[in-house]
Amino acid sequence: MKEASGINRYSIIVTSGLSVGVIIIVQATTPEEVSQIESLRTGSIVHFKGRISGVSLRNVTVEPAILLQ
């Protein structure tokens, strides 16, 4: 996970073994969302909802996206 361009905008990269990877672009709007995103670690389960904005190789980009709790 890394902070993308812009304040409180994050790219979260999700993979599961040999399947397709997902790049989730999330714009955090509250301090709670920032805390939730920054607490993610390798192996964390991420539930999200968003619009597919692109596909390349074996990655799907979802932007905009929101994290579900």
Protein backbone atom coordinates (compact mmCIF):
# COMPACT_ATOMS: atom_id res chain seq x y z
CA MET A 1 0.00 0.00 0.00
CA LYS A 2 1.31 3.47 -0.76
CA GLU A 3 0.00 6.97 -0.75
CA ALA A 4 -0.78 8.12 -4.28
CA SER A 5 -0.76 11.69 -5.58
CA GLY A 6 -3.02 13.98 -3.59
CA ILE A 7 -3.74 14.27 0.10
CA ASN A 8 -5.46 11.23 1.65
CA ARG A 9 -5.60 9.40 -1.68
CA TYR A 10 -4.29 5.86 -1.50
CA SER A 11 -3.55 2.98 -3.86
CA ILE A 12 -4.17 -0.41 -2.26
CA ILE A 13 -2.82 -3.38 -4.18
CA VAL A 14 -4.71 -6.63 -3.58
CA THR A 15 -3.55 -10.03 -4.83
CA SER A 16 -4.51 -13.59 -4.03
CA GLY A 17 -2.12 -16.20 -5.29
CA LEU A 18 -2.27 -16.85 -9.02
CA SER A 19 -5.48 -14.98 -9.74
CA VAL A 20 -6.05 -11.46 -11.00
CA GLY A 21 -4.72 -8.58 -8.90
CA VAL A 22 -6.75 -5.51 -8.03
CA ILE A 23 -5.53 -1.94 -7.59
CA ILE A 24 -8.00 0.01 -5.46
CA ILE A 25 -7.80 3.82 -5.48
CA VAL A 26 -9.43 5.22 -2.32
CA GLN A 27 -9.96 8.85 -1.33
CA ALA A 28 -10.15 9.01 2.48
CA THR A 29 -12.59 11.67 3.65
CA THR A 30 -12.45 11.28 7.43
CA PRO A 31 -9.69 10.69 9.98
CA GLU A 32 -11.29 7.29 10.72
CA GLU A 33 -10.91 6.24 7.07
CA VAL A 34 -7.28 7.40 7.05
CA SER A 35 -6.65 5.34 10.20
CA GLN A 36 -8.38 2.28 8.71
CA ILE A 37 -6.35 2.47 5.48
CA GLU A 38 -3.03 3.12 7.19
CA SER A 39 -3.58 0.18 9.57
CA LEU A 40 -3.80 -2.31 6.68
CA ARG A 41 -0.94 -4.82 6.54
CA THR A 42 0.10 -7.66 4.28
CA GLY A 43 -2.53 -10.36 4.60
CA SER A 44 -5.32 -7.99 5.65
CA ILE A 45 -8.71 -8.81 4.18
CA VAL A 46 -10.14 -5.84 2.27
CA HIS A 47 -13.80 -5.45 1.37
CA PHE A 48 -14.50 -2.68 -1.11
CA LYS A 49 -17.01 -1.34 -3.57
CA GLY A 50 -16.25 0.73 -6.65
CA ARG A 51 -16.19 1.20 -10.38
CA ILE A 52 -13.76 -0.65 -12.64
CA SER A 53 -11.78 2.04 -14.42
CA GLY A 54 -9.26 -0.09 -16.28
CA VAL A 55 -7.75 -3.49 -16.98
CA SER A 56 -4.13 -4.20 -17.86
CA LEU A 57 -2.33 -7.52 -17.98
CA ARG A 58 -3.53 -9.34 -14.87
CA ASN A 59 -4.62 -6.27 -12.90
CA VAL A 60 -7.99 -4.58 -12.56
CA THR A 61 -8.05 -0.94 -11.44
CA VAL A 62 -11.03 0.17 -9.34
CA GLU A 63 -11.47 3.94 -9.07
CA PRO A 64 -13.28 5.50 -7.35
CA ALA A 65 -13.61 2.98 -4.55
CA ILE A 66 -14.73 2.90 -0.93
CA LEU A 67 -13.72 0.45 1.76
CA LEU A 68 -16.53 -1.45 3.44
CA GLN A 69 -16.38 -2.34 7.10
